[in-house]
Amino acid sequence: MNRYLKLVHMEIHRFRYFLLGLMALTLVGQILTVAIATSNEAAKFRDPARFSIDSADKLSFEWIVRISQGMFALPILISMAALLFYVFLIWYRDWLGRSTFMYRLLALPTARRNLYLSKLTAIVLFVFVLLSFQLILLAFEQLIFHWIVPADIRGESVFTDVILSNWLFEVLLPLSGSQFVSLYGFGIMAVTVLFTAILLERSYRIWGIGYAAAYVAACGFAVYATPFALGVNQLGSYFYQWEIFAIEAAVCFLVTAVSVALGFRLLNKRISV
């Protein structure tokens, strides 16, 4: 366990500047968006052509988020793309670097599965750090909104309504616990599939590219075809909603377990120093 934690710490330490850069991009982009959009909207409310302002007309933070969909989403989408890129980089950087760092990692006196698990843990931690940062940032942006907008034209917003006002927040920050578990459980499954595909390519080189593509396709087919084969997505299905959720969760869990087990085997049996 101690060696596993040291490997996790190493992966986080190597990614720290990349992660801080993504956080800085999101911070600057969204704060500028809030400041500019709030100032522009507040100026409209100060227009003397408006004779009165009732409670329905007041400016809310929810409205600012709603009218700034693209600018709020852009840094988040960039961060998502960067994390997807890092799923590959976290492995290939070790192999393709001039110092062949991967061979030094493989020679460490620890179970090789710890390499796999530490990289997977690091990716999951990066995702949840960025999610937590986004929630904190939304609260800070709401304070900025309050500083800019006078109390007489400012309406209050419920935090859940703020999340629901942006399509990307609604996807990434689901209010339902089951949806949250499903979304991020699916994401972890996808990362394990990609990790194992990378190890297939590294194990078999030219042939490995085909094996990796076939493996990803097979996993995708298993996840998406199984519910259709059982008829759970058809009108008039005799499955209850919780049964559909259980079937889909079981398929995703099975794909994850197979991916992790195959990844462990490839690290132990096919990849050598």
C-alpha atoms as a PDB file:
ATOM      1  CA  MET A   1       0.000   0.000   0.000  1.00  0.00           C
ATOM      2  CA  ASN A   2       2.829   2.381   0.860  1.00  0.00           C
ATOM      3  CA  ARG A   3       4.480   1.863  -2.543  1.00  0.00           C
ATOM      4  CA  TYR A   4       1.136   2.273  -4.309  1.00  0.00           C
ATOM      5  CA  LEU A   5       0.583   5.609  -2.531  1.00  0.00           C
ATOM      6  CA  LYS A   6       4.093   6.720  -3.465  1.00  0.00           C
ATOM      7  CA  LEU A   7       3.326   5.971  -7.127  1.00  0.00           C
ATOM      8  CA  VAL A   8       0.052   7.923  -6.890  1.00  0.00           C
ATOM      9  CA  HIS A   9       1.935  10.846  -5.346  1.00  0.00           C
ATOM     10  CA  MET A  10       4.491  10.682  -8.160  1.00  0.00           C
ATOM     11  CA  GLU A  11       1.777  10.793 -10.845  1.00  0.00           C
ATOM     12  CA  ILE A  12       0.044  13.741  -9.174  1.00  0.00           C
ATOM     13  CA  HIS A  13       3.360  15.552  -8.742  1.00  0.00           C
ATOM     14  CA  ARG A  14       4.180  15.125 -12.443  1.00  0.00           C
ATOM     15  CA  PHE A  15       0.766  16.468 -13.506  1.00  0.00           C
ATOM     16  CA  ARG A  16       0.573  19.354 -11.034  1.00  0.00           C
ATOM     17  CA  TYR A  17       1.485  22.169 -13.446  1.00  0.00           C
ATOM     18  CA  PHE A  18      -0.822  20.791 -16.123  1.00  0.00           C
ATOM     19  CA  LEU A  19      -3.659  20.626 -13.586  1.00  0.00           C
ATOM     20  CA  LEU A  20      -2.950  24.113 -12.242  1.00  0.00           C
ATOM     21  CA  GLY A  21      -2.945  25.418 -15.807  1.00  0.00           C
ATOM     22  CA  LEU A  22      -6.405  23.948 -16.449  1.00  0.00           C
ATOM     23  CA  MET A  23      -7.685  25.425 -13.190  1.00  0.00           C
ATOM     24  CA  ALA A  24      -6.207  28.830 -14.055  1.00  0.00           C
ATOM     25  CA  LEU A  25      -7.791  28.715 -17.522  1.00  0.00           C
ATOM     26  CA  THR A  26     -11.200  27.932 -16.024  1.00  0.00           C
ATOM     27  CA  LEU A  27     -10.789  30.575 -13.313  1.00  0.00           C
ATOM     28  CA  VAL A  28      -9.813  33.399 -15.668  1.00  0.00           C
ATOM     29  CA  GLY A  29     -12.275  32.445 -18.407  1.00  0.00           C
ATOM     30  CA  GLN A  30     -15.324  32.131 -16.176  1.00  0.00           C
ATOM     31  CA  ILE A  31     -14.598  35.135 -13.951  1.00  0.00           C
ATOM     32  CA  LEU A  32     -14.127  37.367 -16.995  1.00  0.00           C
ATOM     33  CA  THR A  33     -17.355  35.977 -18.429  1.00  0.00           C
ATOM     34  CA  VAL A  34     -19.271  36.680 -15.213  1.00  0.00           C
ATOM     35  CA  ALA A  35     -17.813  40.175 -14.816  1.00  0.00           C
ATOM     36  CA  ILE A  36     -18.494  41.232 -18.418  1.00  0.00           C
ATOM     37  CA  ALA A  37     -21.929  39.621 -18.719  1.00  0.00           C
ATOM     38  CA  THR A  38     -23.049  40.950 -15.323  1.00  0.00           C
ATOM     39  CA  SER A  39     -21.869  44.489 -16.091  1.00  0.00           C
ATOM     40  CA  ASN A  40     -23.645  44.458 -19.446  1.00  0.00           C
ATOM     41  CA  GLU A  41     -26.888  43.110 -18.020  1.00  0.00           C
ATOM     42  CA  ALA A  42     -26.797  45.487 -15.032  1.00  0.00           C
ATOM     43  CA  ALA A  43     -26.358  48.408 -17.444  1.00  0.00           C
ATOM     44  CA  LYS A  44     -29.601  47.415 -19.157  1.00  0.00           C
ATOM     45  CA  PHE A  45     -31.427  47.600 -15.836  1.00  0.00           C
ATOM     46  CA  ARG A  46     -30.095  51.112 -15.260  1.00  0.00           C
ATOM     47  CA  ASP A  47     -31.621  52.256 -18.529  1.00  0.00           C
ATOM     48  CA  PRO A  48     -33.947  55.187 -17.716  1.00  0.00           C
ATOM     49  CA  ALA A  49     -36.407  53.837 -20.273  1.00  0.00           C
ATOM     50  CA  ARG A  50     -37.352  51.235 -17.668  1.00  0.00           C
ATOM     51  CA  PHE A  51     -39.983  52.815 -15.438  1.00  0.00           C
ATOM     52  CA  SER A  52     -40.096  50.193 -12.716  1.00  0.00           C
ATOM     53  CA  ILE A  53     -38.475  46.965 -11.681  1.00  0.00           C
ATOM     54  CA  ASP A  54     -40.554  44.293 -10.024  1.00  0.00           C
ATOM     55  CA  SER A  55     -39.365  41.022  -8.532  1.00  0.00           C
ATOM     56  CA  ALA A  56     -39.845  39.158 -11.816  1.00  0.00           C
ATOM     57  CA  ASP A  57     -37.498  41.569 -13.599  1.00  0.00           C
ATOM     58  CA  LYS A  58     -34.597  41.359 -11.200  1.00  0.00           C
ATOM     59  CA  LEU A  59     -31.214  40.221 -12.431  1.00  0.00           C
ATOM     60  CA  SER A  60     -30.104  36.836 -11.099  1.00  0.00           C
ATOM     61  CA  PHE A  61     -26.865  34.881 -11.240  1.00  0.00           C
ATOM     62  CA  GLU A  62     -28.800  32.022 -12.813  1.00  0.00           C
ATOM     63  CA  TRP A  63     -29.636  34.319 -15.742  1.00  0.00           C
ATOM     64  CA  ILE A  64     -25.974  35.291 -16.180  1.00  0.00           C
ATOM     65  CA  VAL A  65     -24.972  31.628 -16.374  1.00  0.00           C
ATOM     66  CA  ARG A  66     -27.838  30.893 -18.762  1.00  0.00           C
ATOM     67  CA  ILE A  67     -26.945  33.621 -21.263  1.00  0.00           C
ATOM     68  CA  SER A  68     -23.222  32.747 -21.133  1.00  0.00           C
ATOM     69  CA  GLN A  69     -23.511  29.055 -22.000  1.00  0.00           C
ATOM     70  CA  GLY A  70     -20.645  28.911 -24.467  1.00  0.00           C
ATOM     71  CA  MET A  71     -18.105  30.919 -22.484  1.00  0.00           C
ATOM     72  CA  PHE A  72     -18.776  28.902 -19.334  1.00  0.00           C
ATOM     73  CA  ALA A  73     -18.513  25.629 -21.230  1.00  0.00           C
ATOM     74  CA  LEU A  74     -15.397  26.420 -23.284  1.00  0.00           C
ATOM     75  CA  PRO A  75     -12.722  26.115 -20.528  1.00  0.00           C
ATOM     76  CA  ILE A  76     -14.460  23.018 -19.179  1.00  0.00           C
ATOM     77  CA  LEU A  77     -14.458  21.374 -22.615  1.00  0.00           C
ATOM     78  CA  ILE A  78     -10.778  22.253 -23.020  1.00  0.00           C
ATOM     79  CA  SER A  79     -10.072  20.646 -19.632  1.00  0.00           C
ATOM     80  CA  MET A  80     -12.008  17.526 -20.636  1.00  0.00           C
ATOM     81  CA  ALA A  81     -10.038  17.267 -23.876  1.00  0.00           C
ATOM     82  CA  ALA A  82      -6.779  17.765 -21.952  1.00  0.00           C
ATOM     83  CA  LEU A  83      -7.654  14.990 -19.494  1.00  0.00           C
ATOM     84  CA  LEU A  84      -8.550  12.646 -22.358  1.00  0.00           C
ATOM     85  CA  PHE A  85      -5.184  13.427 -23.942  1.00  0.00           C
ATOM     86  CA  TYR A  86      -3.485  12.768 -20.603  1.00  0.00           C
ATOM     87  CA  VAL A  87      -5.053   9.301 -20.404  1.00  0.00           C
ATOM     88  CA  PHE A  88      -2.694   8.415 -23.274  1.00  0.00           C
ATOM     89  CA  LEU A  89       0.173  10.663 -22.215  1.00  0.00           C
ATOM     90  CA  ILE A  90       0.353   9.174 -18.724  1.00  0.00           C
ATOM     91  CA  TRP A  91       1.533   5.908 -20.322  1.00  0.00           C
ATOM     92  CA  TYR A  92       3.309   6.969 -23.509  1.00  0.00           C
ATOM     93  CA  ARG A  93       5.352   9.663 -21.779  1.00  0.00           C
ATOM     94  CA  ASP A  94       7.050   6.947 -19.735  1.00  0.00           C
ATOM     95  CA  TRP A  95       7.776   4.784 -22.772  1.00  0.00           C
ATOM     96  CA  LEU A  96       8.719   7.389 -25.342  1.00  0.00           C
ATOM     97  CA  GLY A  97      10.832   9.661 -23.154  1.00  0.00           C
ATOM     98  CA  ARG A  98      14.573   9.699 -23.746  1.00  0.00           C
ATOM     99  CA  SER A  99      15.291   8.168 -20.346  1.00  0.00           C
ATOM    100  CA  THR A 100      12.933   5.177 -20.912  1.00  0.00           C
ATOM    101  CA  PHE A 101      11.371   5.858 -17.523  1.00  0.00           C
ATOM    102  CA  MET A 102       8.864   3.010 -17.919  1.00  0.00           C
ATOM    103  CA  TYR A 103      11.586   0.386 -17.691  1.00  0.00           C
ATOM    104  CA  ARG A 104      12.740   1.897 -14.422  1.00  0.00           C
ATOM    105  CA  LEU A 105       9.154   1.771 -13.135  1.00  0.00           C
ATOM    106  CA  LEU A 106       8.787  -1.867 -14.185  1.00  0.00           C
ATOM    107  CA  ALA A 107      11.974  -2.715 -12.300  1.00  0.00           C
ATOM    108  CA  LEU A 108      10.680  -1.268  -9.016  1.00  0.00           C
ATOM    109  CA  PRO A 109      10.315  -3.786  -6.143  1.00  0.00           C
ATOM    110  CA  THR A 110       6.516  -3.588  -6.148  1.00  0.00           C
ATOM    111  CA  ALA A 111       3.646  -5.409  -7.816  1.00  0.00           C
ATOM    112  CA  ARG A 112       3.230  -4.159 -11.363  1.00  0.00           C
ATOM    113  CA  ARG A 113      -0.500  -3.809 -10.870  1.00  0.00           C
ATOM    114  CA  ASN A 114       0.334  -0.823  -8.661  1.00  0.00           C
ATOM    115  CA  LEU A 115       1.557   1.019 -11.772  1.00  0.00           C
ATOM    116  CA  TYR A 116      -1.825   0.507 -13.416  1.00  0.00           C
ATOM    117  CA  LEU A 117      -3.809   1.372 -10.302  1.00  0.00           C
ATOM    118  CA  SER A 118      -1.734   4.459  -9.494  1.00  0.00           C
ATOM    119  CA  LYS A 119      -2.261   5.909 -12.973  1.00  0.00           C
ATOM    120  CA  LEU A 120      -5.990   5.127 -12.827  1.00  0.00           C
ATOM    121  CA  THR A 121      -6.259   6.665  -9.346  1.00  0.00           C
ATOM    122  CA  ALA A 122      -4.432   9.788 -10.502  1.00  0.00           C
ATOM    123  CA  ILE A 123      -6.798  10.304 -13.456  1.00  0.00           C
ATOM    124  CA  VAL A 124      -9.867   9.866 -11.216  1.00  0.00           C
ATOM    125  CA  LEU A 125      -8.434  12.296  -8.653  1.00  0.00           C
ATOM    126  CA  PHE A 126      -7.749  14.885 -11.367  1.00  0.00           C
ATOM    127  CA  VAL A 127     -11.372  14.671 -12.525  1.00  0.00           C
ATOM    128  CA  PHE A 128     -12.799  15.139  -9.036  1.00  0.00           C
ATOM    129  CA  VAL A 129     -10.344  17.914  -8.190  1.00  0.00           C
ATOM    130  CA  LEU A 130     -11.534  19.833 -11.256  1.00  0.00           C
ATOM    131  CA  LEU A 131     -15.185  19.149 -10.374  1.00  0.00           C
ATOM    132  CA  SER A 132     -14.667  20.379  -6.813  1.00  0.00           C
ATOM    133  CA  PHE A 133     -12.814  23.416  -8.095  1.00  0.00           C
ATOM    134  CA  GLN A 134     -15.720  24.203 -10.431  1.00  0.00           C
ATOM    135  CA  LEU A 135     -18.227  24.087  -7.568  1.00  0.00           C
ATOM    136  CA  ILE A 136     -16.065  26.389  -5.439  1.00  0.00           C
ATOM    137  CA  LEU A 137     -15.567  28.677  -8.425  1.00  0.00           C
ATOM    138  CA  LEU A 138     -19.326  28.943  -8.997  1.00  0.00           C
ATOM    139  CA  ALA A 139     -19.787  30.077  -5.394  1.00  0.00           C
ATOM    140  CA  PHE A 140     -17.014  32.671  -5.830  1.00  0.00           C
ATOM    141  CA  GLU A 141     -18.508  33.858  -9.123  1.00  0.00           C
ATOM    142  CA  GLN A 142     -21.824  34.362  -7.371  1.00  0.00           C
ATOM    143  CA  LEU A 143     -20.047  36.636  -4.883  1.00  0.00           C
ATOM    144  CA  ILE A 144     -18.606  38.635  -7.792  1.00  0.00           C
ATOM    145  CA  PHE A 145     -22.115  38.906  -9.204  1.00  0.00           C
ATOM    146  CA  HIS A 146     -23.345  40.277  -5.853  1.00  0.00           C
ATOM    147  CA  TRP A 147     -20.516  42.821  -5.739  1.00  0.00           C
ATOM    148  CA  ILE A 148     -21.368  44.161  -9.197  1.00  0.00           C
ATOM    149  CA  VAL A 149     -25.174  44.182  -9.095  1.00  0.00           C
ATOM    150  CA  PRO A 150     -26.932  46.664  -6.757  1.00  0.00           C
ATOM    151  CA  ALA A 151     -29.300  45.105  -4.250  1.00  0.00           C
ATOM    152  CA  ASP A 152     -32.377  46.847  -5.687  1.00  0.00           C
ATOM    153  CA  ILE A 153     -32.081  45.052  -9.033  1.00  0.00           C
ATOM    154  CA  ARG A 154     -30.536  41.809  -7.791  1.00  0.00           C
ATOM    155  CA  GLY A 155     -32.550  38.623  -7.618  1.00  0.00           C
ATOM    156  CA  GLU A 156     -31.552  35.577  -5.612  1.00  0.00           C
ATOM    157  CA  SER A 157     -30.642  32.262  -7.223  1.00  0.00           C
ATOM    158  CA  VAL A 158     -30.804  28.757  -5.813  1.00  0.00           C
ATOM    159  CA  PHE A 159     -27.518  26.924  -6.414  1.00  0.00           C
ATOM    160  CA  THR A 160     -29.262  23.931  -7.999  1.00  0.00           C
ATOM    161  CA  ASP A 161     -30.999  26.276 -10.455  1.00  0.00           C
ATOM    162  CA  VAL A 162     -27.611  27.737 -11.373  1.00  0.00           C
ATOM    163  CA  ILE A 163     -26.336  24.250 -12.235  1.00  0.00           C
ATOM    164  CA  LEU A 164     -29.454  23.443 -14.254  1.00  0.00           C
ATOM    165  CA  SER A 165     -29.162  26.695 -16.204  1.00  0.00           C
ATOM    166  CA  ASN A 166     -26.088  25.470 -18.111  1.00  0.00           C
ATOM    167  CA  TRP A 167     -26.294  22.295 -20.185  1.00  0.00           C
ATOM    168  CA  LEU A 168     -22.718  21.235 -19.399  1.00  0.00           C
ATOM    169  CA  PHE A 169     -23.097  21.772 -15.642  1.00  0.00           C
ATOM    170  CA  GLU A 170     -26.284  19.720 -15.788  1.00  0.00           C
ATOM    171  CA  VAL A 171     -24.380  16.853 -17.444  1.00  0.00           C
ATOM    172  CA  LEU A 172     -21.213  16.961 -15.317  1.00  0.00           C
ATOM    173  CA  LEU A 173     -22.877  17.782 -11.983  1.00  0.00           C
ATOM    174  CA  PRO A 174     -26.049  15.660 -11.923  1.00  0.00           C
ATOM    175  CA  LEU A 175     -28.263  16.322  -8.928  1.00  0.00           C
ATOM    176  CA  SER A 176     -29.332  12.683  -8.667  1.00  0.00           C
ATOM    177  CA  GLY A 177     -26.985  10.374  -6.792  1.00  0.00           C
ATOM    178  CA  SER A 178     -27.684   7.454  -9.141  1.00  0.00           C
ATOM    179  CA  GLN A 179     -26.966   9.616 -12.189  1.00  0.00           C
ATOM    180  CA  PHE A 180     -23.711  10.817 -10.622  1.00  0.00           C
ATOM    181  CA  VAL A 181     -22.582   7.248  -9.898  1.00  0.00           C
ATOM    182  CA  SER A 182     -23.632   6.112 -13.386  1.00  0.00           C
ATOM    183  CA  LEU A 183     -21.836   8.955 -15.162  1.00  0.00           C
ATOM    184  CA  TYR A 184     -18.532   8.715 -13.327  1.00  0.00           C
ATOM    185  CA  GLY A 185     -18.674   4.939 -13.078  1.00  0.00           C
ATOM    186  CA  PHE A 186     -18.997   4.883 -16.865  1.00  0.00           C
ATOM    187  CA  GLY A 187     -16.083   7.301 -17.091  1.00  0.00           C
ATOM    188  CA  ILE A 188     -13.864   5.071 -14.928  1.00  0.00           C
ATOM    189  CA  MET A 189     -14.829   2.101 -17.092  1.00  0.00           C
ATOM    190  CA  ALA A 190     -13.869   4.043 -20.239  1.00  0.00           C
ATOM    191  CA  VAL A 191     -10.468   4.924 -18.755  1.00  0.00           C
ATOM    192  CA  THR A 192      -9.752   1.278 -17.872  1.00  0.00           C
ATOM    193  CA  VAL A 193     -10.679   0.228 -21.410  1.00  0.00           C
ATOM    194  CA  LEU A 194      -8.309   2.828 -22.885  1.00  0.00           C
ATOM    195  CA  PHE A 195      -5.543   1.860 -20.444  1.00  0.00           C
ATOM    196  CA  THR A 196      -5.831  -1.779 -21.475  1.00  0.00           C
ATOM    197  CA  ALA A 197      -5.919  -0.821 -25.160  1.00  0.00           C
ATOM    198  CA  ILE A 198      -2.667   1.112 -24.653  1.00  0.00           C
ATOM    199  CA  LEU A 199      -1.071  -1.902 -22.961  1.00  0.00           C
ATOM    200  CA  LEU A 200      -2.209  -4.138 -25.835  1.00  0.00           C
ATOM    201  CA  GLU A 201      -0.517  -1.802 -28.293  1.00  0.00           C
ATOM    202  CA  ARG A 202       2.651  -1.705 -26.186  1.00  0.00           C
ATOM    203  CA  SER A 203       2.653  -5.495 -25.806  1.00  0.00           C
ATOM    204  CA  TYR A 204       2.141  -6.446 -29.460  1.00  0.00           C
ATOM    205  CA  ARG A 205       3.384  -3.287 -31.260  1.00  0.00           C
ATOM    206  CA  ILE A 206       2.091  -3.293 -34.891  1.00  0.00           C
ATOM    207  CA  TRP A 207      -0.389  -6.086 -34.266  1.00  0.00           C
ATOM    208  CA  GLY A 208      -1.237  -4.435 -30.990  1.00  0.00           C
ATOM    209  CA  ILE A 209      -2.812  -1.466 -32.768  1.00  0.00           C
ATOM    210  CA  GLY A 210      -5.368  -3.816 -34.298  1.00  0.00           C
ATOM    211  CA  TYR A 211      -5.866  -5.672 -31.027  1.00  0.00           C
ATOM    212  CA  ALA A 212      -6.382  -2.384 -29.180  1.00  0.00           C
ATOM    213  CA  ALA A 213      -8.925  -1.123 -31.717  1.00  0.00           C
ATOM    214  CA  ALA A 214     -10.754  -4.456 -31.646  1.00  0.00           C
ATOM    215  CA  TYR A 215     -10.804  -4.460 -27.848  1.00  0.00           C
ATOM    216  CA  VAL A 216     -12.232  -0.944 -27.617  1.00  0.00           C
ATOM    217  CA  ALA A 217     -14.856  -1.833 -30.249  1.00  0.00           C
ATOM    218  CA  ALA A 218     -15.780  -5.048 -28.408  1.00  0.00           C
ATOM    219  CA  CYS A 219     -16.174  -3.219 -25.097  1.00  0.00           C
ATOM    220  CA  GLY A 220     -18.273  -0.513 -26.737  1.00  0.00           C
ATOM    221  CA  PHE A 221     -20.453  -3.147 -28.378  1.00  0.00           C
ATOM    222  CA  ALA A 222     -20.903  -4.993 -25.075  1.00  0.00           C
ATOM    223  CA  VAL A 223     -21.947  -1.832 -23.238  1.00  0.00           C
ATOM    224  CA  TYR A 224     -24.355  -0.526 -25.872  1.00  0.00           C
ATOM    225  CA  ALA A 225     -25.653  -3.742 -27.421  1.00  0.00           C
ATOM    226  CA  THR A 226     -26.521  -5.681 -24.268  1.00  0.00           C
ATOM    227  CA  PRO A 227     -29.437  -3.415 -23.205  1.00  0.00           C
ATOM    228  CA  PHE A 228     -30.857  -3.533 -26.742  1.00  0.00           C
ATOM    229  CA  ALA A 229     -30.457  -7.312 -26.901  1.00  0.00           C
ATOM    230  CA  LEU A 230     -32.454  -7.623 -23.680  1.00  0.00           C
ATOM    231  CA  GLY A 231     -35.047  -5.141 -24.926  1.00  0.00           C
ATOM    232  CA  VAL A 232     -34.629  -2.817 -21.954  1.00  0.00           C
ATOM    233  CA  ASN A 233     -34.618   0.281 -24.166  1.00  0.00           C
ATOM    234  CA  GLN A 234     -37.742  -0.623 -26.099  1.00  0.00           C
ATOM    235  CA  LEU A 235     -41.248   0.663 -25.506  1.00  0.00           C
ATOM    236  CA  GLY A 236     -43.281  -1.783 -23.507  1.00  0.00           C
ATOM    237  CA  SER A 237     -40.227  -3.366 -21.886  1.00  0.00           C
ATOM    238  CA  TYR A 238     -41.167  -5.608 -18.966  1.00  0.00           C
ATOM    239  CA  PHE A 239     -38.104  -4.503 -16.960  1.00  0.00           C
ATOM    240  CA  TYR A 240     -38.501  -2.049 -14.097  1.00  0.00           C
ATOM    241  CA  GLN A 241     -36.347   1.067 -14.072  1.00  0.00           C
ATOM    242  CA  TRP A 242     -34.158  -0.237 -11.245  1.00  0.00           C
ATOM    243  CA  GLU A 243     -33.684  -3.516 -13.143  1.00  0.00           C
ATOM    244  CA  ILE A 244     -32.529  -1.632 -16.244  1.00  0.00           C
ATOM    245  CA  PHE A 245     -30.084   0.335 -14.101  1.00  0.00           C
ATOM    246  CA  ALA A 246     -28.829  -2.889 -12.480  1.00  0.00           C
ATOM    247  CA  ILE A 247     -28.306  -4.594 -15.863  1.00  0.00           C
ATOM    248  CA  GLU A 248     -26.393  -1.657 -17.307  1.00  0.00           C
ATOM    249  CA  ALA A 249     -24.330  -1.308 -14.116  1.00  0.00           C
ATOM    250  CA  ALA A 250     -23.504  -5.032 -14.190  1.00  0.00           C
ATOM    251  CA  VAL A 251     -22.339  -4.832 -17.817  1.00  0.00           C
ATOM    252  CA  CYS A 252     -20.154  -1.795 -17.068  1.00  0.00           C
ATOM    253  CA  PHE A 253     -18.735  -3.481 -13.967  1.00  0.00           C
ATOM    254  CA  LEU A 254     -17.942  -6.621 -15.979  1.00  0.00           C
ATOM    255  CA  VAL A 255     -16.197  -4.613 -18.710  1.00  0.00           C
ATOM    256  CA  THR A 256     -14.208  -2.733 -16.050  1.00  0.00           C
ATOM    257  CA  ALA A 257     -13.214  -5.950 -14.274  1.00  0.00           C
ATOM    258  CA  VAL A 258     -12.121  -7.607 -17.535  1.00  0.00           C
ATOM    259  CA  SER A 259     -10.159  -4.509 -18.564  1.00  0.00           C
ATOM    260  CA  VAL A 260      -8.346  -4.266 -15.232  1.00  0.00           C
ATOM    261  CA  ALA A 261      -7.608  -8.011 -15.127  1.00  0.00           C
ATOM    262  CA  LEU A 262      -6.306  -8.001 -18.710  1.00  0.00           C
ATOM    263  CA  GLY A 263      -4.235  -4.905 -17.979  1.00  0.00           C
ATOM    264  CA  PHE A 264      -2.669  -6.619 -14.952  1.00  0.00           C
ATOM    265  CA  ARG A 265      -1.887  -9.716 -17.011  1.00  0.00           C
ATOM    266  CA  LEU A 266      -0.290  -7.712 -19.814  1.00  0.00           C
ATOM    267  CA  LEU A 267       1.904  -5.833 -17.345  1.00  0.00           C
ATOM    268  CA  ASN A 268       2.966  -9.043 -15.622  1.00  0.00           C
ATOM    269  CA  LYS A 269       3.330 -11.409 -18.580  1.00  0.00           C
ATOM    270  CA  ARG A 270       3.766  -9.506 -21.850  1.00  0.00           C
ATOM    271  CA  ILE A 271       5.720  -6.366 -20.979  1.00  0.00           C
ATOM    272  CA  SER A 272       9.294  -6.958 -19.903  1.00  0.00           C
ATOM    273  CA  VAL A 273      12.207  -4.755 -18.909  1.00  0.00           C
END
